[in-house]
PDB file of N, CA and C in Angstrom:
ATOM      1  N   MET A   1     -23.383  35.052 -63.489  1.00  0.00           N
ATOM      2  CA  MET A   1     -22.914  35.191 -64.851  1.00  0.00           C
ATOM      3  C   MET A   1     -22.529  33.820 -65.374  1.00  0.00           C
ATOM      4  N   PRO A   2     -23.058  33.420 -66.498  1.00  0.00           N
ATOM      5  CA  PRO A   2     -22.664  32.130 -67.064  1.00  0.00           C
ATOM      6  C   PRO A   2     -21.172  32.119 -67.382  1.00  0.00           C
ATOM      7  N   ARG A   3     -20.542  31.001 -67.165  1.00  0.00           N
ATOM      8  CA  ARG A   3     -19.103  30.862 -67.359  1.00  0.00           C
ATOM      9  C   ARG A   3     -18.681  30.978 -68.821  1.00  0.00           C
ATOM     10  N   ASN A   4     -19.565  30.709 -69.759  1.00  0.00           N
ATOM     11  CA  ASN A   4     -19.179  30.685 -71.164  1.00  0.00           C
ATOM     12  C   ASN A   4     -19.201  32.075 -71.815  1.00  0.00           C
ATOM     13  N   LEU A   5     -19.576  33.121 -71.079  1.00  0.00           N
ATOM     14  CA  LEU A   5     -19.556  34.479 -71.625  1.00  0.00           C
ATOM     15  C   LEU A   5     -18.126  35.026 -71.628  1.00  0.00           C
ATOM     16  N   SER A   6     -17.768  35.669 -72.708  1.00  0.00           N
ATOM     17  CA  SER A   6     -16.457  36.323 -72.729  1.00  0.00           C
ATOM     18  C   SER A   6     -16.569  37.613 -71.930  1.00  0.00           C
ATOM     19  N   ASP A   7     -15.427  38.189 -71.591  1.00  0.00           N
ATOM     20  CA  ASP A   7     -15.420  39.453 -70.857  1.00  0.00           C
ATOM     21  C   ASP A   7     -16.174  40.527 -71.631  1.00  0.00           C
ATOM     22  N   LYS A   8     -15.959  40.569 -72.939  1.00  0.00           N
ATOM     23  CA  LYS A   8     -16.602  41.586 -73.771  1.00  0.00           C
ATOM     24  C   LYS A   8     -18.119  41.422 -73.737  1.00  0.00           C
ATOM     25  N   GLU A   9     -18.584  40.191 -73.885  1.00  0.00           N
ATOM     26  CA  GLU A   9     -20.022  39.940 -73.868  1.00  0.00           C
ATOM     27  C   GLU A   9     -20.624  40.303 -72.510  1.00  0.00           C
ATOM     28  N   PHE A  10     -19.907  39.946 -71.450  1.00  0.00           N
ATOM     29  CA  PHE A  10     -20.380  40.264 -70.106  1.00  0.00           C
ATOM     30  C   PHE A  10     -20.510  41.771 -69.929  1.00  0.00           C
ATOM     31  N   LEU A  11     -19.479  42.521 -70.338  1.00  0.00           N
ATOM     32  CA  LEU A  11     -19.505  43.971 -70.181  1.00  0.00           C
ATOM     33  C   LEU A  11     -20.601  44.611 -71.045  1.00  0.00           C
ATOM     34  N   GLU A  12     -20.813  44.072 -72.239  1.00  0.00           N
ATOM     35  CA  GLU A  12     -21.885  44.595 -73.084  1.00  0.00           C
ATOM     36  C   GLU A  12     -23.252  44.368 -72.452  1.00  0.00           C
ATOM     37  N   ARG A  13     -23.476  43.198 -71.871  1.00  0.00           N
ATOM     38  CA  ARG A  13     -24.750  42.919 -71.196  1.00  0.00           C
ATOM     39  C   ARG A  13     -24.919  43.815 -69.975  1.00  0.00           C
ATOM     40  N   LEU A  14     -23.845  43.987 -69.233  1.00  0.00           N
ATOM     41  CA  LEU A  14     -23.889  44.837 -68.052  1.00  0.00           C
ATOM     42  C   LEU A  14     -24.192  46.281 -68.442  1.00  0.00           C
ATOM     43  N   ALA A  15     -23.553  46.773 -69.490  1.00  0.00           N
ATOM     44  CA  ALA A  15     -23.783  48.150 -69.951  1.00  0.00           C
ATOM     45  C   ALA A  15     -25.223  48.339 -70.421  1.00  0.00           C
ATOM     46  N   ALA A  16     -25.790  47.320 -71.037  1.00  0.00           N
ATOM     47  CA  ALA A  16     -27.164  47.421 -71.533  1.00  0.00           C
ATOM     48  C   ALA A  16     -28.166  47.542 -70.384  1.00  0.00           C
ATOM     49  N   CYS A  17     -27.806  47.029 -69.210  1.00  0.00           N
ATOM     50  CA  CYS A  17     -28.715  47.044 -68.069  1.00  0.00           C
ATOM     51  C   CYS A  17     -28.521  48.246 -67.158  1.00  0.00           C
ATOM     52  N   THR A  18     -27.533  49.065 -67.417  1.00  0.00           N
ATOM     53  CA  THR A  18     -27.249  50.184 -66.530  1.00  0.00           C
ATOM     54  C   THR A  18     -27.609  51.512 -67.169  1.00  0.00           C
ATOM     55  N   GLU A  19     -27.811  52.475 -66.345  1.00  0.00           N
ATOM     56  CA  GLU A  19     -28.094  53.824 -66.813  1.00  0.00           C
ATOM     57  C   GLU A  19     -26.801  54.628 -66.730  1.00  0.00           C
ATOM     58  N   PRO A  20     -26.601  55.569 -67.637  1.00  0.00           N
ATOM     59  CA  PRO A  20     -25.395  56.392 -67.572  1.00  0.00           C
ATOM     60  C   PRO A  20     -25.352  57.199 -66.279  1.00  0.00           C
ATOM     61  N   ALA A  21     -24.165  57.383 -65.764  1.00  0.00           N
ATOM     62  CA  ALA A  21     -24.002  58.186 -64.551  1.00  0.00           C
ATOM     63  C   ALA A  21     -24.347  59.633 -64.854  1.00  0.00           C
ATOM     64  N   GLU A  22     -25.007  60.269 -63.916  1.00  0.00           N
ATOM     65  CA  GLU A  22     -25.395  61.653 -64.129  1.00  0.00           C
ATOM     66  C   GLU A  22     -24.199  62.588 -64.121  1.00  0.00           C
ATOM     67  N   THR A  23     -23.154  62.229 -63.407  1.00  0.00           N
ATOM     68  CA  THR A  23     -21.992  63.104 -63.316  1.00  0.00           C
ATOM     69  C   THR A  23     -21.096  62.975 -64.543  1.00  0.00           C
ATOM     70  N   GLY A  24     -21.251  61.885 -65.313  1.00  0.00           N
ATOM     71  CA  GLY A  24     -20.390  61.674 -66.463  1.00  0.00           C
ATOM     72  C   GLY A  24     -18.998  61.218 -66.062  1.00  0.00           C
ATOM     73  N   ARG A  25     -18.828  60.847 -64.821  1.00  0.00           N
ATOM     74  CA  ARG A  25     -17.520  60.448 -64.300  1.00  0.00           C
ATOM     75  C   ARG A  25     -17.663  59.133 -63.539  1.00  0.00           C
ATOM     76  N   ALA A  26     -16.792  58.199 -63.839  1.00  0.00           N
ATOM     77  CA  ALA A  26     -16.820  56.919 -63.135  1.00  0.00           C
ATOM     78  C   ALA A  26     -16.277  57.106 -61.714  1.00  0.00           C
ATOM     79  N   PRO A  27     -16.804  56.372 -60.748  1.00  0.00           N
ATOM     80  CA  PRO A  27     -16.291  56.466 -59.385  1.00  0.00           C
ATOM     81  C   PRO A  27     -14.824  56.024 -59.324  1.00  0.00           C
ATOM     82  N   SER A  28     -14.071  56.663 -58.464  1.00  0.00           N
ATOM     83  CA  SER A  28     -12.647  56.318 -58.362  1.00  0.00           C
ATOM     84  C   SER A  28     -12.457  54.879 -57.893  1.00  0.00           C
ATOM     85  N   ARG A  29     -13.395  54.353 -57.096  1.00  0.00           N
ATOM     86  CA  ARG A  29     -13.301  52.941 -56.675  1.00  0.00           C
ATOM     87  C   ARG A  29     -13.332  52.024 -57.883  1.00  0.00           C
ATOM     88  N   LEU A  30     -14.229  52.323 -58.827  1.00  0.00           N
ATOM     89  CA  LEU A  30     -14.346  51.504 -60.028  1.00  0.00           C
ATOM     90  C   LEU A  30     -13.078  51.619 -60.876  1.00  0.00           C
ATOM     91  N   LYS A  31     -12.583  52.825 -61.049  1.00  0.00           N
ATOM     92  CA  LYS A  31     -11.349  53.030 -61.814  1.00  0.00           C
ATOM     93  C   LYS A  31     -10.204  52.241 -61.192  1.00  0.00           C
ATOM     94  N   SER A  32     -10.127  52.255 -59.865  1.00  0.00           N
ATOM     95  CA  SER A  32      -9.065  51.537 -59.162  1.00  0.00           C
ATOM     96  C   SER A  32      -9.154  50.037 -59.397  1.00  0.00           C
ATOM     97  N   ARG A  33     -10.355  49.503 -59.314  1.00  0.00           N
ATOM     98  CA  ARG A  33     -10.531  48.065 -59.519  1.00  0.00           C
ATOM     99  C   ARG A  33     -10.203  47.659 -60.955  1.00  0.00           C
ATOM    100  N   ILE A  34     -10.614  48.474 -61.903  1.00  0.00           N
ATOM    101  CA  ILE A  34     -10.322  48.174 -63.311  1.00  0.00           C
ATOM    102  C   ILE A  34      -8.824  48.237 -63.555  1.00  0.00           C
ATOM    103  N   TYR A  35      -8.168  49.266 -63.037  1.00  0.00           N
ATOM    104  CA  TYR A  35      -6.717  49.394 -63.195  1.00  0.00           C
ATOM    105  C   TYR A  35      -5.997  48.182 -62.598  1.00  0.00           C
ATOM    106  N   SER A  36      -6.378  47.796 -61.402  1.00  0.00           N
ATOM    107  CA  SER A  36      -5.752  46.638 -60.743  1.00  0.00           C
ATOM    108  C   SER A  36      -5.918  45.375 -61.581  1.00  0.00           C
ATOM    109  N   MET A  37      -7.131  45.181 -62.105  1.00  0.00           N
ATOM    110  CA  MET A  37      -7.401  43.997 -62.920  1.00  0.00           C
ATOM    111  C   MET A  37      -6.581  44.010 -64.211  1.00  0.00           C
ATOM    112  N   LEU A  38      -6.497  45.177 -64.850  1.00  0.00           N
ATOM    113  CA  LEU A  38      -5.730  45.265 -66.101  1.00  0.00           C
ATOM    114  C   LEU A  38      -4.249  44.987 -65.888  1.00  0.00           C
ATOM    115  N   VAL A  39      -3.674  45.539 -64.829  1.00  0.00           N
ATOM    116  CA  VAL A  39      -2.258  45.300 -64.559  1.00  0.00           C
ATOM    117  C   VAL A  39      -2.029  43.839 -64.182  1.00  0.00           C
ATOM    118  N   GLN A  40      -2.962  43.254 -63.427  1.00  0.00           N
ATOM    119  CA  GLN A  40      -2.837  41.843 -63.071  1.00  0.00           C
ATOM    120  C   GLN A  40      -2.871  40.968 -64.321  1.00  0.00           C
ATOM    121  N   ARG A  41      -3.785  41.250 -65.226  1.00  0.00           N
ATOM    122  CA  ARG A  41      -3.861  40.462 -66.469  1.00  0.00           C
ATOM    123  C   ARG A  41      -2.627  40.660 -67.326  1.00  0.00           C
ATOM    124  N   GLN A  42      -2.114  41.870 -67.331  1.00  0.00           N
ATOM    125  CA  GLN A  42      -0.902  42.147 -68.091  1.00  0.00           C
ATOM    126  C   GLN A  42       0.258  41.327 -67.532  1.00  0.00           C
ATOM    127  N   ALA A  43       0.347  41.234 -66.219  1.00  0.00           N
ATOM    128  CA  ALA A  43       1.412  40.474 -65.583  1.00  0.00           C
ATOM    129  C   ALA A  43       1.275  38.978 -65.843  1.00  0.00           C
ATOM    130  N   GLU A  44       0.059  38.500 -66.052  1.00  0.00           N
ATOM    131  CA  GLU A  44      -0.162  37.078 -66.327  1.00  0.00           C
ATOM    132  C   GLU A  44       0.386  36.664 -67.678  1.00  0.00           C
ATOM    133  N   THR A  45       0.472  37.598 -68.612  1.00  0.00           N
ATOM    134  CA  THR A  45       0.951  37.275 -69.957  1.00  0.00           C
ATOM    135  C   THR A  45       2.473  37.335 -70.070  1.00  0.00           C
ATOM    136  N   GLY A  46       3.129  37.820 -69.052  1.00  0.00           N
ATOM    137  CA  GLY A  46       4.589  37.916 -69.067  1.00  0.00           C
ATOM    138  C   GLY A  46       5.043  39.000 -68.104  1.00  0.00           C
ATOM    139  N   PRO A  47       6.348  39.141 -67.935  1.00  0.00           N
ATOM    140  CA  PRO A  47       6.837  40.145 -66.986  1.00  0.00           C
ATOM    141  C   PRO A  47       6.506  41.565 -67.456  1.00  0.00           C
ATOM    142  N   LEU A  48       6.257  42.423 -66.481  1.00  0.00           N
ATOM    143  CA  LEU A  48       6.009  43.826 -66.772  1.00  0.00           C
ATOM    144  C   LEU A  48       7.340  44.510 -67.088  1.00  0.00           C
ATOM    145  N   GLN A  49       7.275  45.696 -67.670  1.00  0.00           N
ATOM    146  CA  GLN A  49       8.502  46.468 -67.886  1.00  0.00           C
ATOM    147  C   GLN A  49       9.073  46.807 -66.512  1.00  0.00           C
ATOM    148  N   SER A  50      10.370  46.762 -66.369  1.00  0.00           N
ATOM    149  CA  SER A  50      10.963  47.004 -65.059  1.00  0.00           C
ATOM    150  C   SER A  50      10.750  48.453 -64.641  1.00  0.00           C
ATOM    151  N   LEU A  51      10.755  48.668 -63.331  1.00  0.00           N
ATOM    152  CA  LEU A  51      10.574  50.022 -62.802  1.00  0.00           C
ATOM    153  C   LEU A  51      11.711  50.929 -63.237  1.00  0.00           C
ATOM    154  N   SER A  52      12.914  50.368 -63.352  1.00  0.00           N
ATOM    155  CA  SER A  52      14.061  51.166 -63.802  1.00  0.00           C
ATOM    156  C   SER A  52      13.817  51.700 -65.206  1.00  0.00           C
ATOM    157  N   LYS A  53      13.335  50.851 -66.096  1.00  0.00           N
ATOM    158  CA  LYS A  53      13.055  51.272 -67.474  1.00  0.00           C
ATOM    159  C   LYS A  53      11.892  52.249 -67.514  1.00  0.00           C
ATOM    160  N   THR A  54      10.907  52.040 -66.675  1.00  0.00           N
ATOM    161  CA  THR A  54       9.759  52.945 -66.614  1.00  0.00           C
ATOM    162  C   THR A  54      10.211  54.337 -66.204  1.00  0.00           C
ATOM    163  N   LYS A  55      11.072  54.389 -65.198  1.00  0.00           N
ATOM    164  CA  LYS A  55      11.581  55.676 -64.712  1.00  0.00           C
ATOM    165  C   LYS A  55      12.452  56.337 -65.776  1.00  0.00           C
ATOM    166  N   THR A  56      13.302  55.555 -66.441  1.00  0.00           N
ATOM    167  CA  THR A  56      14.161  56.083 -67.499  1.00  0.00           C
ATOM    168  C   THR A  56      13.332  56.646 -68.656  1.00  0.00           C
ATOM    169  N   ALA A  57      12.181  56.057 -68.907  1.00  0.00           N
ATOM    170  CA  ALA A  57      11.304  56.522 -69.983  1.00  0.00           C
ATOM    171  C   ALA A  57      10.581  57.818 -69.619  1.00  0.00           C
ATOM    172  N   GLY A  58      10.785  58.302 -68.398  1.00  0.00           N
ATOM    173  CA  GLY A  58      10.205  59.577 -68.002  1.00  0.00           C
ATOM    174  C   GLY A  58       8.918  59.494 -67.214  1.00  0.00           C
ATOM    175  N   HIS A  59       8.501  58.301 -66.848  1.00  0.00           N
ATOM    176  CA  HIS A  59       7.277  58.143 -66.061  1.00  0.00           C
ATOM    177  C   HIS A  59       7.621  58.215 -64.578  1.00  0.00           C
ATOM    178  N   GLY A  60       6.778  58.866 -63.818  1.00  0.00           N
ATOM    179  CA  GLY A  60       7.011  58.970 -62.386  1.00  0.00           C
ATOM    180  C   GLY A  60       6.708  57.675 -61.667  1.00  0.00           C
ATOM    181  N   LEU A  61       7.397  57.455 -60.576  1.00  0.00           N
ATOM    182  CA  LEU A  61       7.171  56.279 -59.748  1.00  0.00           C
ATOM    183  C   LEU A  61       6.658  56.742 -58.392  1.00  0.00           C
ATOM    184  N   CYS A  62       5.791  55.957 -57.798  1.00  0.00           N
ATOM    185  CA  CYS A  62       5.324  56.284 -56.455  1.00  0.00           C
ATOM    186  C   CYS A  62       6.442  55.985 -55.461  1.00  0.00           C
ATOM    187  N   VAL A  63       6.232  56.354 -54.231  1.00  0.00           N
ATOM    188  CA  VAL A  63       7.268  56.207 -53.211  1.00  0.00           C
ATOM    189  C   VAL A  63       7.692  54.739 -53.047  1.00  0.00           C
ATOM    190  N   PHE A  64       6.766  53.818 -53.129  1.00  0.00           N
ATOM    191  CA  PHE A  64       7.100  52.405 -52.951  1.00  0.00           C
ATOM    192  C   PHE A  64       7.827  51.845 -54.177  1.00  0.00           C
ATOM    193  N   GLU A  65       7.443  52.292 -55.361  1.00  0.00           N
ATOM    194  CA  GLU A  65       8.150  51.872 -56.570  1.00  0.00           C
ATOM    195  C   GLU A  65       9.576  52.411 -56.556  1.00  0.00           C
ATOM    196  N   GLU A  66       9.751  53.632 -56.046  1.00  0.00           N
ATOM    197  CA  GLU A  66      11.102  54.201 -55.909  1.00  0.00           C
ATOM    198  C   GLU A  66      11.941  53.351 -54.974  1.00  0.00           C
ATOM    199  N   LEU A  67      11.344  52.892 -53.874  1.00  0.00           N
ATOM    200  CA  LEU A  67      12.077  52.041 -52.934  1.00  0.00           C
ATOM    201  C   LEU A  67      12.523  50.740 -53.598  1.00  0.00           C
ATOM    202  N   VAL A  68      11.629  50.130 -54.367  1.00  0.00           N
ATOM    203  CA  VAL A  68      11.992  48.905 -55.079  1.00  0.00           C
ATOM    204  C   VAL A  68      13.100  49.196 -56.081  1.00  0.00           C
ATOM    205  N   CYS A  69      13.025  50.357 -56.700  1.00  0.00           N
ATOM    206  CA  CYS A  69      13.992  50.737 -57.731  1.00  0.00           C
ATOM    207  C   CYS A  69      15.403  50.893 -57.155  1.00  0.00           C
ATOM    208  N   ILE A  70      15.514  51.444 -55.940  1.00  0.00           N
ATOM    209  CA  ILE A  70      16.837  51.669 -55.351  1.00  0.00           C
ATOM    210  C   ILE A  70      17.306  50.513 -54.467  1.00  0.00           C
ATOM    211  N   ALA A  71      16.415  49.590 -54.173  1.00  0.00           N
ATOM    212  CA  ALA A  71      16.774  48.442 -53.337  1.00  0.00           C
ATOM    213  C   ALA A  71      17.733  47.520 -54.093  1.00  0.00           C
ATOM    214  N   PRO A  72      18.605  46.854 -53.345  1.00  0.00           N
ATOM    215  CA  PRO A  72      19.544  45.928 -53.995  1.00  0.00           C
ATOM    216  C   PRO A  72      18.870  44.600 -54.354  1.00  0.00           C
ATOM    217  N   VAL A  73      17.976  44.665 -55.326  1.00  0.00           N
ATOM    218  CA  VAL A  73      17.251  43.471 -55.772  1.00  0.00           C
ATOM    219  C   VAL A  73      17.486  43.287 -57.265  1.00  0.00           C
ATOM    220  N   GLY A  74      17.221  42.113 -57.747  1.00  0.00           N
ATOM    221  CA  GLY A  74      17.412  41.812 -59.160  1.00  0.00           C
ATOM    222  C   GLY A  74      16.333  42.414 -60.039  1.00  0.00           C
ATOM    223  N   GLU A  75      16.573  42.351 -61.338  1.00  0.00           N
ATOM    224  CA  GLU A  75      15.648  42.915 -62.316  1.00  0.00           C
ATOM    225  C   GLU A  75      14.302  42.194 -62.276  1.00  0.00           C
ATOM    226  N   ALA A  76      14.301  40.916 -61.934  1.00  0.00           N
ATOM    227  CA  ALA A  76      13.041  40.163 -61.873  1.00  0.00           C
ATOM    228  C   ALA A  76      12.105  40.758 -60.828  1.00  0.00           C
ATOM    229  N   VAL A  77      12.634  41.208 -59.704  1.00  0.00           N
ATOM    230  CA  VAL A  77      11.816  41.823 -58.660  1.00  0.00           C
ATOM    231  C   VAL A  77      11.305  43.177 -59.135  1.00  0.00           C
ATOM    232  N   ARG A  78      12.103  43.877 -59.903  1.00  0.00           N
ATOM    233  CA  ARG A  78      11.698  45.198 -60.410  1.00  0.00           C
ATOM    234  C   ARG A  78      10.617  45.087 -61.485  1.00  0.00           C
ATOM    235  N   GLN A  79      10.389  43.883 -61.986  1.00  0.00           N
ATOM    236  CA  GLN A  79       9.334  43.674 -62.973  1.00  0.00           C
ATOM    237  C   GLN A  79       8.018  43.257 -62.324  1.00  0.00           C
ATOM    238  N   LEU A  80       8.011  43.101 -61.021  1.00  0.00           N
ATOM    239  CA  LEU A  80       6.778  42.775 -60.308  1.00  0.00           C
ATOM    240  C   LEU A  80       5.969  44.046 -60.108  1.00  0.00           C
ATOM    241  N   ASN A  81       4.723  43.889 -59.762  1.00  0.00           N
ATOM    242  CA  ASN A  81       3.837  45.027 -59.553  1.00  0.00           C
ATOM    243  C   ASN A  81       3.714  45.302 -58.062  1.00  0.00           C
ATOM    244  N   PRO A  82       4.445  46.296 -57.534  1.00  0.00           N
ATOM    245  CA  PRO A  82       4.357  46.574 -56.098  1.00  0.00           C
ATOM    246  C   PRO A  82       2.974  47.048 -55.661  1.00  0.00           C
ATOM    247  N   CYS A  83       2.162  47.516 -56.593  1.00  0.00           N
ATOM    248  CA  CYS A  83       0.805  47.961 -56.250  1.00  0.00           C
ATOM    249  C   CYS A  83      -0.047  46.805 -55.719  1.00  0.00           C
ATOM    250  N   ARG A  84       0.272  45.575 -56.099  1.00  0.00           N
ATOM    251  CA  ARG A  84      -0.515  44.420 -55.643  1.00  0.00           C
ATOM    252  C   ARG A  84      -0.483  44.289 -54.124  1.00  0.00           C
ATOM    253  N   VAL A  85       0.596  44.741 -53.484  1.00  0.00           N
ATOM    254  CA  VAL A  85       0.708  44.604 -52.031  1.00  0.00           C
ATOM    255  C   VAL A  85       0.636  45.948 -51.316  1.00  0.00           C
ATOM    256  N   CYS A  86       0.338  47.002 -52.042  1.00  0.00           N
ATOM    257  CA  CYS A  86       0.312  48.351 -51.467  1.00  0.00           C
ATOM    258  C   CYS A  86      -1.038  48.617 -50.808  1.00  0.00           C
ATOM    259  N   HIS A  87      -1.000  49.251 -49.648  1.00  0.00           N
ATOM    260  CA  HIS A  87      -2.250  49.577 -48.965  1.00  0.00           C
ATOM    261  C   HIS A  87      -3.060  50.622 -49.733  1.00  0.00           C
ATOM    262  N   ALA A  88      -2.422  51.412 -50.582  1.00  0.00           N
ATOM    263  CA  ALA A  88      -3.143  52.405 -51.382  1.00  0.00           C
ATOM    264  C   ALA A  88      -4.143  51.715 -52.312  1.00  0.00           C
ATOM    265  N   ARG A  89      -3.747  50.595 -52.893  1.00  0.00           N
ATOM    266  CA  ARG A  89      -4.655  49.857 -53.773  1.00  0.00           C
ATOM    267  C   ARG A  89      -5.877  49.384 -52.996  1.00  0.00           C
ATOM    268  N   ILE A  90      -5.649  48.825 -51.843  1.00  0.00           N
ATOM    269  CA  ILE A  90      -6.741  48.292 -51.029  1.00  0.00           C
ATOM    270  C   ILE A  90      -7.702  49.404 -50.623  1.00  0.00           C
ATOM    271  N   LEU A  91      -7.155  50.528 -50.180  1.00  0.00           N
ATOM    272  CA  LEU A  91      -7.998  51.656 -49.788  1.00  0.00           C
ATOM    273  C   LEU A  91      -8.755  52.223 -50.984  1.00  0.00           C
ATOM    274  N   ALA A  92      -8.050  52.370 -52.113  1.00  0.00           N
ATOM    275  CA  ALA A  92      -8.664  52.971 -53.305  1.00  0.00           C
ATOM    276  C   ALA A  92      -9.775  52.107 -53.874  1.00  0.00           C
ATOM    277  N   GLU A  93      -9.657  50.804 -53.743  1.00  0.00           N
ATOM    278  CA  GLU A  93     -10.690  49.917 -54.266  1.00  0.00           C
ATOM    279  C   GLU A  93     -11.921  49.865 -53.371  1.00  0.00           C
ATOM    280  N   ARG A  94     -11.812  50.376 -52.151  1.00  0.00           N
ATOM    281  CA  ARG A  94     -12.921  50.276 -51.210  1.00  0.00           C
ATOM    282  C   ARG A  94     -13.539  51.621 -50.809  1.00  0.00           C
ATOM    283  N   PHE A  95     -12.796  52.714 -50.975  1.00  0.00           N
ATOM    284  CA  PHE A  95     -13.288  54.034 -50.586  1.00  0.00           C
ATOM    285  C   PHE A  95     -13.253  54.985 -51.773  1.00  0.00           C
ATOM    286  N   GLU A  96     -14.252  55.824 -51.857  1.00  0.00           N
ATOM    287  CA  GLU A  96     -14.307  56.788 -52.951  1.00  0.00           C
ATOM    288  C   GLU A  96     -13.227  57.857 -52.809  1.00  0.00           C
ATOM    289  N   ASP A  97     -12.890  58.228 -51.594  1.00  0.00           N
ATOM    290  CA  ASP A  97     -11.853  59.232 -51.371  1.00  0.00           C
ATOM    291  C   ASP A  97     -10.834  58.673 -50.373  1.00  0.00           C
ATOM    292  N   PRO A  98      -9.969  57.748 -50.822  1.00  0.00           N
ATOM    293  CA  PRO A  98      -9.040  57.109 -49.893  1.00  0.00           C
ATOM    294  C   PRO A  98      -8.008  58.102 -49.364  1.00  0.00           C
ATOM    295  N   PRO A  99      -7.563  57.917 -48.132  1.00  0.00           N
ATOM    296  CA  PRO A  99      -6.565  58.819 -47.548  1.00  0.00           C
ATOM    297  C   PRO A  99      -5.141  58.496 -48.033  1.00  0.00           C
ATOM    298  N   VAL A 100      -4.919  58.670 -49.310  1.00  0.00           N
ATOM    299  CA  VAL A 100      -3.620  58.405 -49.934  1.00  0.00           C
ATOM    300  C   VAL A 100      -3.260  59.651 -50.733  1.00  0.00           C
ATOM    301  N   PHE A 101      -2.044  60.175 -50.527  1.00  0.00           N
ATOM    302  CA  PHE A 101      -1.728  61.462 -51.124  1.00  0.00           C
ATOM    303  C   PHE A 101      -0.361  61.542 -51.798  1.00  0.00           C
ATOM    304  N   TRP A 102       0.415  60.454 -51.858  1.00  0.00           N
ATOM    305  CA  TRP A 102       1.755  60.610 -52.414  1.00  0.00           C
ATOM    306  C   TRP A 102       1.740  60.754 -53.928  1.00  0.00           C
ATOM    307  N   PRO A 103       2.741  61.455 -54.444  1.00  0.00           N
ATOM    308  CA  PRO A 103       2.794  61.713 -55.892  1.00  0.00           C
ATOM    309  C   PRO A 103       3.043  60.449 -56.707  1.00  0.00           C
ATOM    310  N   ASN A 104       2.546  60.457 -57.916  1.00  0.00           N
ATOM    311  CA  ASN A 104       2.736  59.400 -58.912  1.00  0.00           C
ATOM    312  C   ASN A 104       2.056  58.082 -58.580  1.00  0.00           C
ATOM    313  N   CYS A 105       1.201  58.063 -57.594  1.00  0.00           N
ATOM    314  CA  CYS A 105       0.419  56.852 -57.302  1.00  0.00           C
ATOM    315  C   CYS A 105      -0.789  56.869 -58.230  1.00  0.00           C
ATOM    316  N   PRO A 106      -0.974  55.835 -59.045  1.00  0.00           N
ATOM    317  CA  PRO A 106      -2.122  55.842 -59.956  1.00  0.00           C
ATOM    318  C   PRO A 106      -3.450  55.904 -59.216  1.00  0.00           C
ATOM    319  N   TYR A 107      -3.501  55.338 -58.037  1.00  0.00           N
ATOM    320  CA  TYR A 107      -4.748  55.327 -57.289  1.00  0.00           C
ATOM    321  C   TYR A 107      -5.109  56.726 -56.778  1.00  0.00           C
ATOM    322  N   VAL A 108      -4.116  57.544 -56.504  1.00  0.00           N
ATOM    323  CA  VAL A 108      -4.377  58.926 -56.107  1.00  0.00           C
ATOM    324  C   VAL A 108      -4.909  59.708 -57.305  1.00  0.00           C
ATOM    325  N   SER A 109      -4.333  59.461 -58.476  1.00  0.00           N
ATOM    326  CA  SER A 109      -4.776  60.201 -59.664  1.00  0.00           C
ATOM    327  C   SER A 109      -6.217  59.860 -60.038  1.00  0.00           C
ATOM    328  N   PHE A 110      -6.713  58.687 -59.678  1.00  0.00           N
ATOM    329  CA  PHE A 110      -8.096  58.336 -59.992  1.00  0.00           C
ATOM    330  C   PHE A 110      -9.076  59.206 -59.196  1.00  0.00           C
ATOM    331  N   LYS A 111      -8.669  59.688 -58.028  1.00  0.00           N
ATOM    332  CA  LYS A 111      -9.530  60.562 -57.233  1.00  0.00           C
ATOM    333  C   LYS A 111      -9.713  61.904 -57.938  1.00  0.00           C
ATOM    334  N   LYS A 112      -8.675  62.343 -58.642  1.00  0.00           N
ATOM    335  CA  LYS A 112      -8.666  63.672 -59.233  1.00  0.00           C
ATOM    336  C   LYS A 112      -9.385  63.751 -60.559  1.00  0.00           C
ATOM    337  N   SER A 113      -9.403  62.626 -61.315  1.00  0.00           N
ATOM    338  CA  SER A 113      -9.981  62.690 -62.655  1.00  0.00           C
ATOM    339  C   SER A 113     -11.377  62.123 -62.710  1.00  0.00           C
TER     340      SER A 113
END
């Protein structure tokens, strides 16, 4: 891929060369990789919303996010993305049906949808 292509141009060229999936559903591996990339880019532009605020807003947290939330750490640590170091992310990005089953894990939800 030439370096001077924007992400949008690259994706448009890629879409033009591919055929639509017969199932009408993207593979969970692809969804996982896209999600990871989007959260990483979001974190590059500034701190993420803290896990405490996310939980207060009514969103569920996975087991590891809950641990970070109750751990005696500062707010700066709670604004990091624990998914970056979670084995669920690694498994989900490499296997279509990763052996991950805990509630509120975004990577588990990609298997279902």
